[in-house]
Amino acid sequence: MNSGFSTRDGGGVVAVFEAAEVSILRSLVSQVLGLIAPGETGDDPLERALGIGTAEAPSDPVLARLFPSAYEDEKEASEFRRYTEATLRDGKRADAQTMLDTARPGRSELTPEQAQAWLRSLNDVRLALGTKLEVTEEVHDEIAAMSEDDPRYPAYVTYDWLTYLQDTLVRALW
């Protein structure tokens, strides 16, 4: 796989993907999209209308990574989460949907706004996969030492590829 992003004349970025790469991206983004379904709201109709959610931190490690606590103090963290998590979930779902709508085999031209959504969504996918794989700072050394017969190898190589895509997208945007 040698895809990546480059700058487009007139703004935005260009991506060139093979069909298999698009399939992998769509699958991973869809899985993350399934995780970040709308959060639970309280029983109060006004709170539901305003998108005020529950104050509980996620017990799932992936969700805890995607929606980390903003404060060390539990009470402050709960209050902050209560008022912000629904909006954060909405944004992550919108970014994932943009990626699903624009990921296609061959050459794709993304507007600056679409490219920013891709960047955020790629980050979410990397965070989710990295959490599942328990990725550490030594991930590149681990991949280099890992046998291709290791059942974890495809997932680690995919994580590394996502890192590469994110890097090329950051470079194309700035």
Protein backbone atom coordinates (compact mmCIF):
# COMPACT_ATOMS: atom_id res chain seq x y z
CA MET A 1 0.00 0.00 0.00
CA ASN A 2 1.50 3.29 -1.04
CA SER A 3 -1.42 5.63 -0.74
CA GLY A 4 -1.42 8.91 1.03
CA PHE A 5 -2.44 12.51 0.71
CA SER A 6 -0.99 15.43 -1.20
CA THR A 7 -1.87 19.08 -1.64
CA ARG A 8 -4.35 19.98 -4.35
CA ASP A 9 -3.99 23.12 -6.45
CA GLY A 10 -6.47 25.68 -5.18
CA GLY A 11 -6.71 24.20 -1.68
CA GLY A 12 -7.81 20.94 -0.26
CA VAL A 13 -6.03 17.65 -0.67
CA VAL A 14 -5.90 14.68 -3.01
CA ALA A 15 -5.90 11.05 -1.94
CA VAL A 16 -5.33 8.02 -4.09
CA PHE A 17 -6.52 4.70 -2.69
CA GLU A 18 -6.76 1.16 -3.97
CA ALA A 19 -10.10 -0.64 -3.56
CA ALA A 20 -8.70 -2.84 -0.76
CA GLU A 21 -7.50 0.22 1.15
CA VAL A 22 -10.92 1.85 0.89
CA SER A 23 -12.51 -1.37 2.13
CA ILE A 24 -10.22 -1.40 5.19
CA LEU A 25 -10.87 2.28 5.92
CA ARG A 26 -14.64 1.90 5.55
CA SER A 27 -14.67 -1.16 7.81
CA LEU A 28 -12.64 0.50 10.56
CA VAL A 29 -14.58 3.77 10.42
CA SER A 30 -17.88 1.87 10.49
CA GLN A 31 -16.75 -0.01 13.59
CA VAL A 32 -15.83 3.23 15.36
CA LEU A 33 -19.09 4.80 14.20
CA GLY A 34 -20.94 1.91 15.86
CA LEU A 35 -19.10 2.60 19.11
CA ILE A 36 -19.88 6.30 19.23
CA ALA A 37 -23.64 6.03 18.92
CA PRO A 38 -25.55 8.83 20.63
CA GLY A 39 -24.92 8.86 24.36
CA GLU A 40 -27.60 8.29 26.93
CA THR A 41 -29.53 11.29 28.15
CA GLY A 42 -31.40 11.69 31.40
CA ASP A 43 -35.13 11.32 31.88
CA ASP A 44 -35.74 15.07 31.97
CA PRO A 45 -37.29 16.20 28.62
CA LEU A 46 -35.43 19.53 28.71
CA GLU A 47 -32.09 17.77 29.26
CA ARG A 48 -32.84 15.42 26.33
CA ALA A 49 -33.75 18.39 24.12
CA LEU A 50 -30.51 20.17 25.05
CA GLY A 51 -28.40 17.05 24.58
CA ILE A 52 -27.36 16.91 28.23
CA GLY A 53 -26.13 13.41 28.82
CA THR A 54 -25.22 11.18 31.68
CA ALA A 55 -22.21 12.01 33.80
CA GLU A 56 -20.72 8.53 33.93
CA ALA A 57 -17.33 7.90 32.40
CA PRO A 58 -17.35 5.05 29.86
CA SER A 59 -16.29 1.67 31.20
CA ASP A 60 -15.18 0.47 27.74
CA PRO A 61 -11.45 1.26 27.37
CA VAL A 62 -11.89 2.38 23.74
CA LEU A 63 -14.69 4.79 24.62
CA ALA A 64 -12.70 6.01 27.62
CA ARG A 65 -9.86 6.81 25.19
CA LEU A 66 -12.18 8.52 22.69
CA PHE A 67 -13.95 10.49 25.46
CA PRO A 68 -11.35 11.00 28.18
CA SER A 69 -12.12 12.77 31.43
CA ALA A 70 -11.37 16.47 31.26
CA TYR A 71 -10.56 16.77 34.95
CA GLU A 72 -8.86 14.62 37.56
CA ASP A 73 -11.53 15.51 40.11
CA GLU A 74 -14.39 13.04 39.55
CA LYS A 75 -17.14 15.52 40.32
CA GLU A 76 -15.75 18.14 37.92
CA ALA A 77 -15.13 15.49 35.26
CA SER A 78 -18.70 14.20 35.57
CA GLU A 79 -20.21 17.66 35.32
CA PHE A 80 -18.08 18.53 32.28
CA ARG A 81 -18.93 15.20 30.59
CA ARG A 82 -22.63 15.72 31.24
CA TYR A 83 -22.67 18.92 29.17
CA THR A 84 -20.17 18.09 26.43
CA GLU A 85 -20.17 14.40 25.55
CA ALA A 86 -23.30 14.45 23.38
CA THR A 87 -21.83 17.22 21.23
CA LEU A 88 -18.49 15.41 21.02
CA ARG A 89 -20.26 12.24 19.91
CA ASP A 90 -22.20 14.17 17.27
CA GLY A 91 -18.97 15.64 15.91
CA LYS A 92 -17.21 12.30 15.79
CA ARG A 93 -20.17 10.71 13.99
CA ALA A 94 -20.28 13.56 11.46
CA ASP A 95 -16.53 13.22 10.80
CA ALA A 96 -16.84 9.44 10.37
CA GLN A 97 -19.77 9.90 7.99
CA THR A 98 -17.76 12.40 5.92
CA MET A 99 -14.99 9.84 5.65
CA LEU A 100 -17.43 7.11 4.61
CA ASP A 101 -19.04 9.43 2.05
CA THR A 102 -15.75 10.48 0.44
CA ALA A 103 -13.55 7.36 0.67
CA ARG A 104 -13.45 5.78 -2.76
CA PRO A 105 -10.99 3.84 -4.89
CA GLY A 106 -8.83 5.90 -7.20
CA ARG A 107 -8.27 9.61 -6.93
CA SER A 108 -10.36 11.56 -4.42
CA GLU A 109 -10.28 15.31 -4.03
CA LEU A 110 -11.22 16.59 -0.59
CA THR A 111 -12.15 20.13 0.37
CA PRO A 112 -10.25 21.58 3.31
CA GLU A 113 -13.30 20.91 5.52
CA GLN A 114 -13.54 17.29 4.38
CA ALA A 115 -9.80 16.84 4.91
CA GLN A 116 -10.14 18.16 8.47
CA ALA A 117 -12.99 15.68 9.09
CA TRP A 118 -10.77 12.89 7.72
CA LEU A 119 -7.97 13.95 10.05
CA ARG A 120 -10.23 13.81 13.11
CA SER A 121 -11.79 10.51 12.02
CA LEU A 122 -8.42 8.89 11.26
CA ASN A 123 -7.30 9.96 14.73
CA ASP A 124 -10.36 8.31 16.28
CA VAL A 125 -9.75 5.09 14.34
CA ARG A 126 -6.09 5.07 15.40
CA LEU A 127 -7.02 5.71 19.04
CA ALA A 128 -9.58 2.90 18.98
CA LEU A 129 -7.28 0.39 17.28
CA GLY A 130 -4.29 1.45 19.36
CA THR A 131 -6.28 0.94 22.56
CA LYS A 132 -7.40 -2.53 21.46
CA LEU A 133 -3.81 -3.44 20.52
CA GLU A 134 -2.40 -1.83 23.67
CA VAL A 135 0.03 0.13 21.50
CA THR A 136 3.00 1.68 23.27
CA GLU A 137 5.72 4.11 22.21
CA GLU A 138 7.73 1.10 21.00
CA VAL A 139 5.13 0.07 18.40
CA HIS A 140 7.53 0.45 15.46
CA ASP A 141 10.14 -1.74 17.15
CA GLU A 142 7.44 -4.30 17.96
CA ILE A 143 6.29 -4.41 14.33
CA ALA A 144 9.87 -4.73 13.06
CA ALA A 145 10.51 -7.67 15.42
CA MET A 146 7.14 -9.33 14.76
CA SER A 147 6.91 -12.33 12.45
CA GLU A 148 4.48 -12.00 9.56
CA ASP A 149 3.01 -15.29 10.84
CA ASP A 150 2.07 -13.62 14.13
CA PRO A 151 -1.75 -13.35 14.21
CA ARG A 152 -1.42 -9.76 15.49
CA TYR A 153 0.74 -8.71 12.55
CA PRO A 154 -2.07 -7.55 10.20
CA ALA A 155 -3.63 -5.37 12.90
CA TYR A 156 -0.29 -3.78 13.81
CA VAL A 157 0.57 -3.13 10.16
CA THR A 158 -2.86 -1.59 9.69
CA TYR A 159 -2.24 0.67 12.69
CA ASP A 160 1.11 1.67 11.20
CA TRP A 161 -0.55 2.40 7.83
CA LEU A 162 -3.17 4.58 9.53
CA THR A 163 -0.34 6.49 11.22
CA TYR A 164 1.26 7.02 7.81
CA LEU A 165 -2.04 8.24 6.32
CA GLN A 166 -2.55 10.65 9.19
CA ASP A 167 1.00 11.96 8.78
CA THR A 168 0.60 12.54 5.02
CA LEU A 169 -2.72 14.27 5.62
CA VAL A 170 -1.23 16.59 8.25
CA ARG A 171 1.63 17.44 5.86
CA ALA A 172 -0.80 18.08 2.99
CA LEU A 173 -2.91 20.40 5.14
CA TRP A 174 0.01 22.37 6.51
